[in-house]
Protein backbone atom coordinates (compact mmCIF):
# COMPACT_ATOMS: atom_id res chain seq x y z
CA MET A 1 0.19 0.20 0.15
CA SER A 2 2.98 2.42 -0.38
CA GLU A 3 0.76 5.48 1.02
CA LYS A 4 -2.14 3.16 0.00
CA ASN A 5 -0.76 0.45 2.08
CA LYS A 6 -0.49 2.11 4.99
CA GLU A 7 -0.51 -1.20 7.97
CA GLN A 8 -4.09 -2.31 9.63
CA ALA A 9 -3.50 -2.59 12.97
CA LEU A 10 -5.67 -4.63 15.74
CA ILE A 11 -5.15 -6.26 19.20
CA CYS A 12 -4.51 -9.86 18.97
CA VAL A 13 -4.04 -12.47 21.76
CA PRO A 14 -1.65 -15.91 21.55
CA GLY A 15 -3.14 -18.55 19.85
CA GLN A 16 -5.85 -16.69 17.93
CA VAL A 17 -6.37 -16.95 14.24
CA LEU A 18 -5.88 -13.73 12.43
CA CYS A 19 -6.97 -14.95 8.95
CA ALA A 20 -7.06 -17.76 6.71
CA ALA A 21 -4.14 -18.66 5.09
CA SER A 22 -3.56 -18.67 0.95
CA GLU A 23 -0.55 -18.50 -1.65
CA PHE A 24 -0.98 -14.57 -1.42
CA VAL A 25 -1.30 -14.68 2.46
CA VAL A 26 2.47 -14.63 4.11
CA ALA A 27 2.75 -15.47 7.95
CA SER A 28 5.62 -13.44 8.89
CA GLU A 29 7.12 -12.37 12.48
CA GLY A 30 4.95 -12.93 15.88
CA THR A 31 2.47 -15.30 13.66
CA TYR A 32 2.92 -19.19 12.12
CA GLU A 33 0.62 -21.25 10.07
CA LYS A 34 -2.14 -23.78 10.87
CA LEU A 35 -4.56 -26.09 9.34
CA GLY A 36 -5.51 -23.10 6.81
CA TYR A 37 -5.20 -20.26 8.99
CA VAL A 38 -2.63 -17.94 10.24
CA HIS A 39 -2.48 -17.69 14.11
CA ALA A 40 -0.95 -15.25 16.64
CA THR A 41 2.24 -16.51 18.15
CA LEU A 42 1.66 -13.62 20.83
CA ALA A 43 -0.29 -10.88 22.33
CA GLY A 44 0.00 -7.56 20.81
CA ILE A 45 -0.92 -5.37 17.64
CA VAL A 46 -1.44 -7.34 14.18
CA ARG A 47 0.15 -5.34 11.48
CA MET A 48 -0.54 -6.48 7.77
CA LYS A 49 1.60 -5.33 4.81
CA LYS A 50 0.83 -5.57 1.24
CA ARG A 51 4.04 -6.01 -1.56
CA GLU A 52 2.83 -5.93 -4.76
CA LYS A 53 0.52 -9.31 -4.54
CA ASN A 54 1.56 -10.60 -1.19
CA THR A 55 0.08 -9.31 2.11
CA TYR A 56 2.70 -9.98 4.85
CA ILE A 57 0.64 -10.66 8.47
CA SER A 58 3.16 -9.94 11.69
CA VAL A 59 2.24 -9.16 15.21
CA VAL A 60 4.50 -6.82 17.22
CA SER A 61 4.22 -7.28 20.59
CA PHE A 62 2.92 -4.75 23.44
CA GLY A 63 6.38 -4.69 24.99
CA GLY A 64 8.30 -4.15 21.84
CA GLY A 65 9.85 -6.31 19.53
CA ALA A 66 9.65 -10.03 20.76
CA THR A 67 12.70 -12.09 18.92
CA VAL A 68 10.82 -15.09 17.58
CA PRO A 69 12.38 -17.36 14.99
CA VAL A 70 10.99 -17.12 11.22
CA ILE A 71 11.06 -19.45 8.01
CA GLY A 72 14.73 -19.38 6.69
CA ASP A 73 16.53 -18.47 10.54
CA ILE A 74 19.60 -20.05 11.98
CA VAL A 75 19.00 -21.37 15.28
CA THR A 76 21.31 -22.79 17.77
CA ALA A 77 19.31 -25.64 19.84
CA ARG A 78 19.86 -28.34 22.79
CA ILE A 79 18.60 -31.66 21.72
CA THR A 80 16.46 -32.56 24.81
CA GLY A 81 15.00 -36.43 23.32
CA VAL A 82 15.55 -38.26 20.52
CA GLN A 83 13.25 -41.13 19.18
CA HIS A 84 12.93 -43.54 16.47
CA ARG A 85 11.12 -40.85 13.68
CA LEU A 86 12.23 -37.30 15.24
CA ALA A 87 14.62 -35.42 17.34
CA LYS A 88 12.87 -33.06 19.97
CA CYS A 89 15.16 -29.71 21.49
CA ARG A 90 15.15 -26.66 23.17
CA ILE A 91 16.12 -23.47 20.55
CA LEU A 92 18.33 -21.34 22.49
CA CYS A 93 19.50 -18.73 20.07
CA ILE A 94 18.20 -16.85 16.87
CA GLY A 95 21.41 -16.34 14.92
CA LYS A 96 23.12 -14.42 17.67
CA THR A 97 20.64 -13.79 19.86
CA ALA A 98 20.31 -15.44 22.72
CA LEU A 99 16.44 -16.18 23.80
CA ASN A 100 14.81 -15.36 27.31
CA ARG A 101 11.75 -17.80 26.27
CA GLY A 102 11.03 -21.10 25.26
CA PHE A 103 10.97 -22.14 22.00
CA ARG A 104 10.26 -26.13 21.07
CA GLY A 105 12.01 -27.81 17.91
CA ILE A 106 11.47 -30.83 16.33
CA ILE A 107 13.67 -32.31 13.29
CA ARG A 108 12.26 -35.28 11.61
CA LYS A 109 14.60 -38.14 9.93
CA GLU A 110 13.64 -37.08 6.57
CA ASP A 111 14.97 -33.33 7.34
CA VAL A 112 18.13 -34.55 8.87
CA ARG A 113 20.19 -34.60 5.94
CA ALA A 114 19.88 -33.91 2.05
CA THR A 115 21.28 -37.41 0.48
CA GLU A 116 20.28 -41.02 1.85
CA VAL A 117 17.33 -39.75 4.09
CA ASP A 118 16.02 -43.18 4.13
CA ARG A 119 18.99 -44.14 5.60
CA VAL A 120 19.44 -42.23 8.73
CA GLU A 121 18.89 -43.57 12.19
CA MET A 122 18.26 -40.70 14.30
CA HIS A 123 20.19 -41.94 17.26
CA LYS A 124 23.02 -41.72 15.48
CA CYS A 125 22.68 -37.99 14.48
CA PHE A 126 21.80 -36.53 17.86
CA ARG A 127 21.90 -37.29 21.51
CA PRO A 128 20.38 -35.51 24.56
CA GLY A 129 22.84 -32.55 25.64
CA ASP A 130 24.40 -31.72 21.92
CA ILE A 131 24.25 -28.81 20.50
CA ILE A 132 23.03 -27.92 17.23
CA LEU A 133 22.56 -25.58 14.53
CA ALA A 134 19.10 -25.80 12.36
CA ARG A 135 17.34 -23.95 9.70
CA VAL A 136 13.33 -23.31 10.45
CA LEU A 137 11.09 -24.40 7.86
CA HIS A 138 7.89 -23.13 9.29
CA GLN A 139 5.79 -23.18 12.97
CA ILE A 140 4.26 -26.12 13.90
CA GLU A 141 2.00 -24.56 16.68
CA LEU A 142 2.62 -22.19 19.25
CA ASN A 143 6.56 -22.00 19.90
CA VAL A 144 6.85 -25.24 18.30
CA PHE A 145 9.18 -25.02 14.88
CA HIS A 146 9.81 -27.66 12.27
CA LEU A 147 13.66 -27.70 11.67
CA SER A 148 16.51 -28.97 9.12
CA THR A 149 20.01 -29.79 9.37
CA ALA A 150 20.26 -31.37 6.17
CA ASP A 151 22.94 -28.17 4.63
CA ASN A 152 26.16 -29.20 5.48
CA GLU A 153 26.99 -26.37 7.83
CA LEU A 154 24.14 -27.83 9.64
CA GLY A 155 23.96 -29.99 12.51
CA VAL A 156 26.03 -30.94 15.59
CA VAL A 157 28.40 -28.38 16.65
CA VAL A 158 28.94 -29.54 20.40
CA ALA A 159 28.48 -33.18 21.60
CA ILE A 160 28.48 -33.83 25.17
CA SER A 161 30.38 -37.17 26.35
CA PRO A 162 28.92 -40.25 27.36
CA SER A 163 29.97 -39.54 30.76
CA SER A 164 28.67 -36.33 31.22
CA ARG A 165 25.30 -37.36 29.82
CA ALA A 166 25.17 -39.80 32.16
CA ASN A 167 26.12 -37.69 35.48
CA SER A 168 24.43 -34.35 35.29
CA GLY A 169 26.74 -33.04 37.92
CA ALA A 170 30.22 -34.34 36.07
CA GLU A 171 31.57 -31.26 34.19
CA THR A 172 30.65 -30.99 30.70
CA ILE A 173 33.08 -32.63 28.41
CA PRO A 174 32.61 -31.58 24.37
CA MET A 175 33.30 -34.32 22.11
CA VAL A 176 35.85 -33.94 18.97
CA PRO A 177 34.72 -34.49 15.58
CA VAL A 178 36.88 -36.99 14.16
CA CYS A 179 35.18 -36.58 10.64
CA TRP A 180 31.57 -35.18 9.30
CA THR A 181 29.94 -38.27 10.83
CA GLU A 182 31.58 -39.22 14.51
CA VAL A 183 32.72 -37.37 17.51
CA GLN A 184 35.37 -38.79 19.65
CA CYS A 185 35.86 -37.81 23.86
CA PRO A 186 39.25 -36.29 24.12
CA VAL A 187 39.16 -38.26 27.78
CA THR A 188 37.76 -41.55 27.09
CA LEU A 189 38.55 -41.36 23.06
CA ILE A 190 35.13 -43.33 22.91
CA LYS A 191 33.90 -42.87 19.44
CA GLU A 192 29.75 -41.91 19.01
CA PRO A 193 28.28 -41.18 15.28
CA ARG A 194 26.62 -37.73 15.01
CA LYS A 195 25.31 -35.42 11.78
CA VAL A 196 27.95 -32.87 12.38
CA ALA A 197 27.84 -29.32 11.37
CA LYS A 198 30.96 -28.43 8.88
CA VAL A 199 31.37 -25.09 10.71
CA VAL A 200 33.26 -26.42 13.55
CA PRO A 201 35.16 -24.69 16.33
CA GLU A 202 38.82 -25.55 16.28
CA LYS A 203 38.46 -25.67 20.01
CA GLY A 204 35.16 -27.50 21.52
CA GLN A 205 36.28 -26.15 25.29
CA SER A 206 36.25 -22.75 24.26
CA LEU A 207 31.83 -23.39 23.01
CA SER A 208 31.41 -25.60 26.34
CA LYS A 209 32.06 -22.80 28.40
CA THR A 210 28.86 -21.01 26.79
CA LEU A 211 27.11 -24.01 27.45
CA ALA A 212 26.68 -22.70 31.01
CA LEU A 213 24.62 -19.50 29.91
CA PHE A 214 21.60 -22.10 28.75
């Protein structure tokens, strides 16, 4: 709406249906699409902007700009559970911005890597406690996002040693990548399979210190 394109504003609450989804309606920041409708993820002011043929729907928090993952964002997350068909995680950062809100992520078997998808075994790609980089594909429901690690630079960046996972009170020991499908504990020399990201810090030790922040 240039001058015609002035934003229309109305107030919404989390989970509220804002409008029907279509090929020309885009769910933007603070919203998600589910079952053919665009929903709000937070309480705030709804904004609708027209650009060419598309209408972009977003929600701005009353308290200012809330940081919410959007499609295409690269996020840092901690794996919380691994099942046969998917892995669950908690999103810690969007880019370099640490989050103070709880967002959850799900990585499905078919989105772990780009090739040989039918041969993916989830427990050989992720383990609870691992820190990963992933891309946001879309929002599944309020505060839950569908993620992908299919790109080469995405996947596990910090793998936690078996001894650390077994003893929650023990010092966190990061495992060292030995190839793009395997990591090794520098203390016990135990090796484990992983979907390793190709952007791996030179010193896992320095990154392990950041784990205390989360």
